[in-house]
Amino acid sequence: MTGRKVCVGVVIGAKGVRGEVKIKSFTALPGDIGAYGPVSTASGGTLRLKVSGVTKDTVTAWLEGSSDRNAAEALKGTELYVDRAAMPAPEDGSYYHVDLIGLAARMADGEILGEVTAVFNFGAGDVLEVKRTQGEKSGETELIPFPGPAIEKVDIAAGVITILPLPGLFDDGQEDGGEEENVGEVTEKDR
């Protein structure tokens, strides 16, 4: 896992005039954002972070190099990362998104579906994006709820996630016979 990074927060604004920033923390305990050592940015810079206050999922902190409000405001939108190796092992049944990305996705019968390319959360829970690598749908992506009944097994060590082919999971919106159902069309009979 060397070189893999975990996003632990993002700067959402400035606080005060002396360079403090407000950070939306993605750690289980928001104040732990400063517990994993220096943070890095997407551009590769490394910053020391010192938490000065915590409220719900937001922390107030000092970031190295931010000495006034203008410097703090310039950091807005900056994602903060730590090395995956610095993070504690996840609890059973929990996973870091970075550990799921890159897993081979296989069906329960052994058929290769593709590779996990992203993990999203649109507000109703995590969803795996799997890019198909085989067959006529090669290059297309599938969205699979995670965790959920479609996930049979996650084996990080083997680099594989096993997916059950539940009804409706890979439907493309077409009914039997290949014709799309026309919902809401008003016919002469309905008038």
C-alpha atoms as a PDB file:
ATOM      1  CA  MET A   1       0.000   0.000   0.000  1.00  0.00           C
ATOM      2  CA  THR A   2       3.015   2.244  -0.256  1.00  0.00           C
ATOM      3  CA  GLY A   3       2.254   5.482  -2.037  1.00  0.00           C
ATOM      4  CA  ARG A   4      -1.519   5.179  -1.718  1.00  0.00           C
ATOM      5  CA  LYS A   5      -3.183   8.197  -0.171  1.00  0.00           C
ATOM      6  CA  VAL A   6      -6.382   8.605   1.828  1.00  0.00           C
ATOM      7  CA  CYS A   7      -8.248  11.923   1.700  1.00  0.00           C
ATOM      8  CA  VAL A   8      -8.851  12.855   5.339  1.00  0.00           C
ATOM      9  CA  GLY A   9     -10.396  16.282   4.793  1.00  0.00           C
ATOM     10  CA  VAL A  10     -10.854  19.377   2.695  1.00  0.00           C
ATOM     11  CA  VAL A  11     -10.332  23.042   3.583  1.00  0.00           C
ATOM     12  CA  ILE A  12     -13.721  24.771   3.456  1.00  0.00           C
ATOM     13  CA  GLY A  13     -12.725  28.290   4.435  1.00  0.00           C
ATOM     14  CA  ALA A  14     -10.837  30.675   6.686  1.00  0.00           C
ATOM     15  CA  LYS A  15     -11.498  31.355  10.345  1.00  0.00           C
ATOM     16  CA  GLY A  16     -10.444  34.659  11.811  1.00  0.00           C
ATOM     17  CA  VAL A  17      -7.629  36.866  10.561  1.00  0.00           C
ATOM     18  CA  ARG A  18      -4.547  34.985  11.798  1.00  0.00           C
ATOM     19  CA  GLY A  19      -4.468  32.174   9.238  1.00  0.00           C
ATOM     20  CA  GLU A  20      -6.613  29.473  10.807  1.00  0.00           C
ATOM     21  CA  VAL A  21      -8.645  27.313   8.421  1.00  0.00           C
ATOM     22  CA  LYS A  22     -11.899  25.391   8.725  1.00  0.00           C
ATOM     23  CA  ILE A  23     -11.621  21.804   7.515  1.00  0.00           C
ATOM     24  CA  LYS A  24     -14.401  19.317   6.771  1.00  0.00           C
ATOM     25  CA  SER A  25     -12.948  16.156   8.294  1.00  0.00           C
ATOM     26  CA  PHE A  26     -13.566  12.712   6.774  1.00  0.00           C
ATOM     27  CA  THR A  27     -12.076  10.822   9.728  1.00  0.00           C
ATOM     28  CA  ALA A  28     -14.312   8.831  12.109  1.00  0.00           C
ATOM     29  CA  LEU A  29     -13.449  11.261  14.899  1.00  0.00           C
ATOM     30  CA  PRO A  30     -13.030  14.697  13.262  1.00  0.00           C
ATOM     31  CA  GLY A  31     -10.204  15.778  15.560  1.00  0.00           C
ATOM     32  CA  ASP A  32      -8.131  12.772  14.469  1.00  0.00           C
ATOM     33  CA  ILE A  33      -7.335  14.537  11.205  1.00  0.00           C
ATOM     34  CA  GLY A  34      -4.177  15.809  12.873  1.00  0.00           C
ATOM     35  CA  ALA A  35      -3.212  12.445  14.404  1.00  0.00           C
ATOM     36  CA  TYR A  36      -1.608  10.853  11.345  1.00  0.00           C
ATOM     37  CA  GLY A  37       1.328  13.178  10.872  1.00  0.00           C
ATOM     38  CA  PRO A  38       1.817  15.788   8.159  1.00  0.00           C
ATOM     39  CA  VAL A  39      -0.822  16.011   5.440  1.00  0.00           C
ATOM     40  CA  SER A  40      -0.150  16.301   1.743  1.00  0.00           C
ATOM     41  CA  THR A  41      -2.043  18.030  -1.036  1.00  0.00           C
ATOM     42  CA  ALA A  42      -2.978  16.830  -4.522  1.00  0.00           C
ATOM     43  CA  SER A  43      -0.112  18.899  -5.919  1.00  0.00           C
ATOM     44  CA  GLY A  44       2.338  16.970  -3.734  1.00  0.00           C
ATOM     45  CA  GLY A  45       3.023  19.623  -1.101  1.00  0.00           C
ATOM     46  CA  THR A  46       3.373  18.584   2.536  1.00  0.00           C
ATOM     47  CA  LEU A  47       1.914  20.621   5.397  1.00  0.00           C
ATOM     48  CA  ARG A  48       1.971  20.312   9.154  1.00  0.00           C
ATOM     49  CA  LEU A  49      -1.498  20.543  10.662  1.00  0.00           C
ATOM     50  CA  LYS A  50      -2.395  21.439  14.244  1.00  0.00           C
ATOM     51  CA  VAL A  51      -6.040  21.094  15.289  1.00  0.00           C
ATOM     52  CA  SER A  52      -7.234  24.008  17.454  1.00  0.00           C
ATOM     53  CA  GLY A  53     -10.957  23.213  17.706  1.00  0.00           C
ATOM     54  CA  VAL A  54     -13.595  20.614  16.802  1.00  0.00           C
ATOM     55  CA  THR A  55     -17.339  20.940  16.064  1.00  0.00           C
ATOM     56  CA  LYS A  56     -19.293  17.977  14.600  1.00  0.00           C
ATOM     57  CA  ASP A  57     -17.484  17.064  11.350  1.00  0.00           C
ATOM     58  CA  THR A  58     -15.593  20.353  11.061  1.00  0.00           C
ATOM     59  CA  VAL A  59     -12.290  21.236  12.672  1.00  0.00           C
ATOM     60  CA  THR A  60     -10.427  24.481  13.019  1.00  0.00           C
ATOM     61  CA  ALA A  61      -6.703  24.127  12.455  1.00  0.00           C
ATOM     62  CA  TRP A  62      -3.437  25.822  11.724  1.00  0.00           C
ATOM     63  CA  LEU A  63      -1.806  24.734   8.475  1.00  0.00           C
ATOM     64  CA  GLU A  64       1.873  25.394   7.993  1.00  0.00           C
ATOM     65  CA  GLY A  65       2.400  28.461   5.806  1.00  0.00           C
ATOM     66  CA  SER A  66      -0.997  30.008   6.501  1.00  0.00           C
ATOM     67  CA  SER A  67      -0.276  33.128   8.542  1.00  0.00           C
ATOM     68  CA  ASP A  68      -3.141  35.464   7.629  1.00  0.00           C
ATOM     69  CA  ARG A  69      -6.721  35.391   6.364  1.00  0.00           C
ATOM     70  CA  ASN A  70      -5.698  35.792   2.702  1.00  0.00           C
ATOM     71  CA  ALA A  71      -3.405  32.754   2.904  1.00  0.00           C
ATOM     72  CA  ALA A  72      -6.142  30.751   4.646  1.00  0.00           C
ATOM     73  CA  GLU A  73      -8.750  31.714   2.031  1.00  0.00           C
ATOM     74  CA  ALA A  74      -6.345  30.727  -0.755  1.00  0.00           C
ATOM     75  CA  LEU A  75      -6.364  27.176   0.648  1.00  0.00           C
ATOM     76  CA  LYS A  76     -10.161  26.804   0.280  1.00  0.00           C
ATOM     77  CA  GLY A  77     -10.935  23.615  -1.639  1.00  0.00           C
ATOM     78  CA  THR A  78      -7.549  22.029  -0.881  1.00  0.00           C
ATOM     79  CA  GLU A  79      -7.925  18.310  -0.207  1.00  0.00           C
ATOM     80  CA  LEU A  80      -5.704  16.933   2.537  1.00  0.00           C
ATOM     81  CA  TYR A  81      -4.210  13.436   2.309  1.00  0.00           C
ATOM     82  CA  VAL A  82      -2.189  11.045   4.469  1.00  0.00           C
ATOM     83  CA  ASP A  83      -0.373   7.872   3.513  1.00  0.00           C
ATOM     84  CA  ARG A  84      -2.632   4.814   3.686  1.00  0.00           C
ATOM     85  CA  ALA A  85       0.048   3.072   5.777  1.00  0.00           C
ATOM     86  CA  ALA A  86      -0.397   5.702   8.526  1.00  0.00           C
ATOM     87  CA  MET A  87      -4.093   4.887   8.917  1.00  0.00           C
ATOM     88  CA  PRO A  88      -5.335   2.286  11.411  1.00  0.00           C
ATOM     89  CA  ALA A  89      -6.671  -1.017  10.125  1.00  0.00           C
ATOM     90  CA  PRO A  90     -10.387  -0.708   9.375  1.00  0.00           C
ATOM     91  CA  GLU A  91     -12.876  -2.598  11.520  1.00  0.00           C
ATOM     92  CA  ASP A  92     -14.267  -5.879  10.160  1.00  0.00           C
ATOM     93  CA  GLY A  93     -16.694  -5.174   7.349  1.00  0.00           C
ATOM     94  CA  SER A  94     -15.346  -1.634   6.837  1.00  0.00           C
ATOM     95  CA  TYR A  95     -13.009  -0.551   4.061  1.00  0.00           C
ATOM     96  CA  TYR A  96     -11.092   2.502   2.984  1.00  0.00           C
ATOM     97  CA  HIS A  97     -12.201   3.557  -0.483  1.00  0.00           C
ATOM     98  CA  VAL A  98      -8.571   3.559  -1.613  1.00  0.00           C
ATOM     99  CA  ASP A  99      -8.390  -0.177  -0.755  1.00  0.00           C
ATOM    100  CA  LEU A 100     -11.423  -0.982  -2.933  1.00  0.00           C
ATOM    101  CA  ILE A 101     -10.273   0.923  -6.011  1.00  0.00           C
ATOM    102  CA  GLY A 102      -8.354  -1.391  -8.309  1.00  0.00           C
ATOM    103  CA  LEU A 103      -9.954  -4.624  -7.076  1.00  0.00           C
ATOM    104  CA  ALA A 104     -10.891  -7.130  -9.763  1.00  0.00           C
ATOM    105  CA  ALA A 105     -14.681  -7.534  -9.887  1.00  0.00           C
ATOM    106  CA  ARG A 106     -15.808 -11.092 -10.511  1.00  0.00           C
ATOM    107  CA  MET A 107     -19.206 -12.681 -10.621  1.00  0.00           C
ATOM    108  CA  ALA A 108     -19.963 -15.527  -8.194  1.00  0.00           C
ATOM    109  CA  ASP A 109     -19.581 -18.052 -11.052  1.00  0.00           C
ATOM    110  CA  GLY A 110     -16.005 -16.825 -11.691  1.00  0.00           C
ATOM    111  CA  GLU A 111     -16.789 -14.690 -14.751  1.00  0.00           C
ATOM    112  CA  ILE A 112     -14.628 -11.562 -14.826  1.00  0.00           C
ATOM    113  CA  LEU A 113     -16.771  -8.440 -14.795  1.00  0.00           C
ATOM    114  CA  GLY A 114     -14.082  -5.761 -14.641  1.00  0.00           C
ATOM    115  CA  GLU A 115     -12.285  -3.517 -12.175  1.00  0.00           C
ATOM    116  CA  VAL A 116     -13.454  -1.186  -9.418  1.00  0.00           C
ATOM    117  CA  THR A 117     -12.494   2.296 -10.657  1.00  0.00           C
ATOM    118  CA  ALA A 118     -14.200   4.557  -8.106  1.00  0.00           C
ATOM    119  CA  VAL A 119     -16.368   4.673  -4.996  1.00  0.00           C
ATOM    120  CA  PHE A 120     -19.111   7.299  -4.887  1.00  0.00           C
ATOM    121  CA  ASN A 121     -21.620   8.411  -2.298  1.00  0.00           C
ATOM    122  CA  PHE A 122     -24.533  10.388  -3.700  1.00  0.00           C
ATOM    123  CA  GLY A 123     -26.264  10.580  -0.313  1.00  0.00           C
ATOM    124  CA  ALA A 124     -27.861   7.135  -0.044  1.00  0.00           C
ATOM    125  CA  GLY A 125     -24.724   5.115   0.690  1.00  0.00           C
ATOM    126  CA  ASP A 126     -21.605   4.041  -1.142  1.00  0.00           C
ATOM    127  CA  VAL A 127     -21.702   2.828  -4.733  1.00  0.00           C
ATOM    128  CA  LEU A 128     -18.888   1.029  -6.546  1.00  0.00           C
ATOM    129  CA  GLU A 129     -18.136   2.004 -10.124  1.00  0.00           C
ATOM    130  CA  VAL A 130     -16.970  -1.086 -12.007  1.00  0.00           C
ATOM    131  CA  LYS A 131     -15.490  -0.689 -15.478  1.00  0.00           C
ATOM    132  CA  ARG A 132     -16.191  -3.740 -17.606  1.00  0.00           C
ATOM    133  CA  THR A 133     -13.093  -5.289 -19.166  1.00  0.00           C
ATOM    134  CA  GLN A 134     -14.632  -8.257 -21.020  1.00  0.00           C
ATOM    135  CA  GLY A 135     -17.227  -8.935 -23.708  1.00  0.00           C
ATOM    136  CA  GLU A 136     -19.436  -6.677 -25.770  1.00  0.00           C
ATOM    137  CA  LYS A 137     -19.872  -4.211 -22.901  1.00  0.00           C
ATOM    138  CA  SER A 138     -16.106  -3.762 -22.432  1.00  0.00           C
ATOM    139  CA  GLY A 139     -15.357  -0.162 -21.444  1.00  0.00           C
ATOM    140  CA  GLU A 140     -18.847   0.457 -20.034  1.00  0.00           C
ATOM    141  CA  THR A 141     -19.351   1.050 -16.330  1.00  0.00           C
ATOM    142  CA  GLU A 142     -21.737  -0.477 -13.825  1.00  0.00           C
ATOM    143  CA  LEU A 143     -22.786   1.029 -10.488  1.00  0.00           C
ATOM    144  CA  ILE A 144     -23.143  -1.487  -7.666  1.00  0.00           C
ATOM    145  CA  PRO A 145     -24.484  -0.583  -4.188  1.00  0.00           C
ATOM    146  CA  PHE A 146     -21.859  -1.219  -1.499  1.00  0.00           C
ATOM    147  CA  PRO A 147     -22.146  -2.876   0.872  1.00  0.00           C
ATOM    148  CA  GLY A 148     -25.299  -4.706  -0.017  1.00  0.00           C
ATOM    149  CA  PRO A 149     -26.863  -7.973  -1.079  1.00  0.00           C
ATOM    150  CA  ALA A 150     -25.041  -7.917  -4.439  1.00  0.00           C
ATOM    151  CA  ILE A 151     -21.652  -8.114  -2.693  1.00  0.00           C
ATOM    152  CA  GLU A 152     -20.821 -11.716  -1.816  1.00  0.00           C
ATOM    153  CA  LYS A 153     -17.233 -11.249  -0.654  1.00  0.00           C
ATOM    154  CA  VAL A 154     -14.475  -8.640  -0.466  1.00  0.00           C
ATOM    155  CA  ASP A 155     -10.948 -10.058  -0.378  1.00  0.00           C
ATOM    156  CA  ILE A 156      -8.492  -7.155  -0.207  1.00  0.00           C
ATOM    157  CA  ALA A 157      -5.475  -9.483   0.122  1.00  0.00           C
ATOM    158  CA  ALA A 158      -6.415 -11.391  -3.050  1.00  0.00           C
ATOM    159  CA  GLY A 159      -7.466  -8.182  -4.826  1.00  0.00           C
ATOM    160  CA  VAL A 160     -10.956  -9.459  -5.669  1.00  0.00           C
ATOM    161  CA  ILE A 161     -14.536  -8.493  -4.959  1.00  0.00           C
ATOM    162  CA  THR A 162     -17.199 -11.119  -5.724  1.00  0.00           C
ATOM    163  CA  ILE A 163     -20.568  -9.937  -6.998  1.00  0.00           C
ATOM    164  CA  LEU A 164     -23.862 -11.823  -7.023  1.00  0.00           C
ATOM    165  CA  PRO A 165     -25.963 -11.363 -10.193  1.00  0.00           C
ATOM    166  CA  LEU A 166     -29.145 -10.222  -8.464  1.00  0.00           C
ATOM    167  CA  PRO A 167     -32.215  -9.518 -10.608  1.00  0.00           C
ATOM    168  CA  GLY A 168     -32.181  -5.933 -11.858  1.00  0.00           C
ATOM    169  CA  LEU A 169     -28.541  -5.265 -10.980  1.00  0.00           C
ATOM    170  CA  PHE A 170     -27.362  -4.990 -14.582  1.00  0.00           C
ATOM    171  CA  ASP A 171     -30.664  -4.138 -16.289  1.00  0.00           C
ATOM    172  CA  ASP A 172     -30.348  -1.605 -19.047  1.00  0.00           C
ATOM    173  CA  GLY A 173     -33.946  -0.354 -18.763  1.00  0.00           C
ATOM    174  CA  GLN A 174     -35.373  -2.688 -21.380  1.00  0.00           C
ATOM    175  CA  GLU A 175     -38.248  -5.106 -20.880  1.00  0.00           C
ATOM    176  CA  ASP A 176     -38.501  -8.609 -22.290  1.00  0.00           C
ATOM    177  CA  GLY A 177     -38.294  -8.563 -26.083  1.00  0.00           C
ATOM    178  CA  GLY A 178     -35.951  -5.571 -26.093  1.00  0.00           C
ATOM    179  CA  GLU A 179     -38.672  -2.929 -26.241  1.00  0.00           C
ATOM    180  CA  GLU A 180     -38.667  -0.078 -23.759  1.00  0.00           C
ATOM    181  CA  GLU A 181     -41.836   0.374 -21.756  1.00  0.00           C
ATOM    182  CA  ASN A 182     -43.545   3.644 -22.607  1.00  0.00           C
ATOM    183  CA  VAL A 183     -44.711   4.997 -19.265  1.00  0.00           C
ATOM    184  CA  GLY A 184     -46.968   8.004 -19.187  1.00  0.00           C
ATOM    185  CA  GLU A 185     -48.006   8.084 -22.843  1.00  0.00           C
ATOM    186  CA  VAL A 186     -51.583   9.203 -23.224  1.00  0.00           C
ATOM    187  CA  THR A 187     -53.540   7.363 -25.903  1.00  0.00           C
ATOM    188  CA  GLU A 188     -56.802   8.266 -27.573  1.00  0.00           C
ATOM    189  CA  LYS A 189     -58.505   5.611 -25.415  1.00  0.00           C
ATOM    190  CA  ASP A 190     -57.308   7.382 -22.203  1.00  0.00           C
ATOM    191  CA  ARG A 191     -58.803  10.754 -23.139  1.00  0.00           C
END
